[in-house]
Amino acid sequence: LYVNKCVEDLGCFYTGQPFHHLTNRPISLPPTGNPKVKFHLFTPSNPDEPYEQEVTLESLKNSTFDARLETKFMIHGFMSDLDFDDVRFVSTIQSILFEYHSVY
């Protein structure tokens, strides 16, 4: 049985397609409680120290985000906190993006 679970400030999550897959993900659970999602914003003006972005328009306005530049999102996973390997992976990809593209 598929469900649609809505979480304040984050939107709704459906446990069916595309997140359910008979072979690769046969059990698709909705989020429990209110996930503590964090967004770390790296920009050319702060490539080494992220701005911890809250899920508010005010937080975005107070950041170094520039909507005129191309934006990339890196998602390390949704089932856990960042571990050492995730941090190393994100840092490597971030460095490559800044080196070859003018992106956030």
Protein backbone atom coordinates (compact mmCIF):
# COMPACT_ATOMS: atom_id res chain seq x y z
CA LEU A 1 0.00 0.00 0.00
CA TYR A 2 1.46 3.35 -1.01
CA VAL A 3 1.00 6.48 1.07
CA ASN A 4 1.58 10.19 0.60
CA LYS A 5 3.21 11.73 3.70
CA CYS A 6 3.45 15.53 3.93
CA VAL A 7 6.07 17.19 6.13
CA GLU A 8 5.88 20.86 7.09
CA ASP A 9 8.32 23.07 5.12
CA LEU A 10 9.57 20.14 3.00
CA GLY A 11 6.56 19.03 1.01
CA CYS A 12 5.03 15.63 0.41
CA PHE A 13 6.69 12.26 -0.08
CA TYR A 14 4.98 9.44 -1.94
CA THR A 15 6.12 5.88 -1.20
CA GLY A 16 5.15 4.59 -4.66
CA GLN A 17 6.89 5.22 -7.97
CA PRO A 18 9.54 6.50 -8.55
CA PHE A 19 10.84 5.60 -5.05
CA HIS A 20 9.39 2.10 -4.95
CA HIS A 21 11.01 -0.55 -7.12
CA LEU A 22 10.14 -4.26 -6.92
CA THR A 23 13.78 -5.37 -7.16
CA ASN A 24 15.95 -2.48 -5.99
CA ARG A 25 13.70 -1.01 -3.30
CA PRO A 26 10.81 -3.34 -2.47
CA ILE A 27 10.07 -1.60 0.85
CA SER A 28 9.52 2.15 0.61
CA LEU A 29 8.74 3.77 3.95
CA PRO A 30 7.45 7.32 4.43
CA PRO A 31 9.45 9.73 6.61
CA THR A 32 8.72 9.53 10.32
CA GLY A 33 8.41 12.68 12.37
CA ASN A 34 9.95 15.82 10.93
CA PRO A 35 13.31 15.03 9.28
CA LYS A 36 16.03 17.48 10.22
CA VAL A 37 17.15 18.28 6.69
CA LYS A 38 20.19 20.55 6.43
CA PHE A 39 21.36 22.35 3.33
CA HIS A 40 25.00 23.42 3.11
CA LEU A 41 25.58 26.18 0.58
CA PHE A 42 29.04 26.50 -0.95
CA THR A 43 29.67 29.41 -3.31
CA PRO A 44 32.74 30.90 -5.00
CA SER A 45 32.87 33.40 -2.12
CA ASN A 46 32.77 30.62 0.51
CA PRO A 47 34.17 27.48 -1.18
CA ASP A 48 35.63 25.96 2.00
CA GLU A 49 33.15 26.87 4.72
CA PRO A 50 29.47 26.17 3.98
CA TYR A 51 26.61 28.46 4.81
CA GLU A 52 24.07 26.31 6.67
CA GLN A 53 20.89 27.10 4.79
CA GLU A 54 17.55 26.96 6.58
CA VAL A 55 14.40 26.17 4.64
CA THR A 56 13.23 29.79 4.54
CA LEU A 57 13.26 32.58 1.98
CA GLU A 58 14.89 34.87 4.56
CA SER A 59 17.80 32.46 5.00
CA LEU A 60 18.31 32.35 1.23
CA LYS A 61 18.24 36.15 0.97
CA ASN A 62 20.87 36.43 3.74
CA SER A 63 23.21 33.92 2.08
CA THR A 64 25.80 34.34 -0.66
CA PHE A 65 23.52 32.56 -3.18
CA ASP A 66 23.40 34.21 -6.63
CA ALA A 67 20.50 32.98 -8.78
CA ARG A 68 22.25 34.26 -11.92
CA LEU A 69 24.84 31.49 -11.65
CA GLU A 70 24.22 27.86 -12.49
CA THR A 71 23.22 25.88 -9.39
CA LYS A 72 24.05 22.24 -8.63
CA PHE A 73 22.66 20.12 -5.79
CA MET A 74 24.63 17.24 -4.32
CA ILE A 75 22.59 14.77 -2.29
CA HIS A 76 24.67 12.44 -0.14
CA GLY A 77 21.77 10.28 0.95
CA PHE A 78 18.51 10.43 2.77
CA MET A 79 18.76 7.63 5.32
CA SER A 80 21.68 8.84 7.44
CA ASP A 81 23.96 11.63 8.53
CA LEU A 82 27.09 12.47 6.61
CA ASP A 83 29.88 10.07 7.44
CA PHE A 84 33.58 10.42 6.61
CA ASP A 85 33.27 8.86 3.13
CA ASP A 86 30.29 11.10 2.30
CA VAL A 87 32.20 14.22 3.36
CA ARG A 88 35.22 13.22 1.27
CA PHE A 89 32.99 12.49 -1.76
CA VAL A 90 31.07 15.78 -1.45
CA SER A 91 34.30 17.74 -1.00
CA THR A 92 35.86 16.16 -4.10
CA ILE A 93 32.82 16.80 -6.30
CA GLN A 94 32.49 20.35 -4.97
CA SER A 95 36.15 21.09 -5.82
CA ILE A 96 35.71 19.75 -9.35
CA LEU A 97 32.56 21.83 -9.90
CA PHE A 98 34.28 25.02 -8.73
CA GLU A 99 37.39 24.28 -10.80
CA TYR A 100 35.61 23.68 -14.11
CA HIS A 101 32.31 25.57 -13.79
CA SER A 102 31.02 28.80 -12.29
CA VAL A 103 28.41 27.09 -10.17
CA TYR A 104 27.12 27.13 -6.62
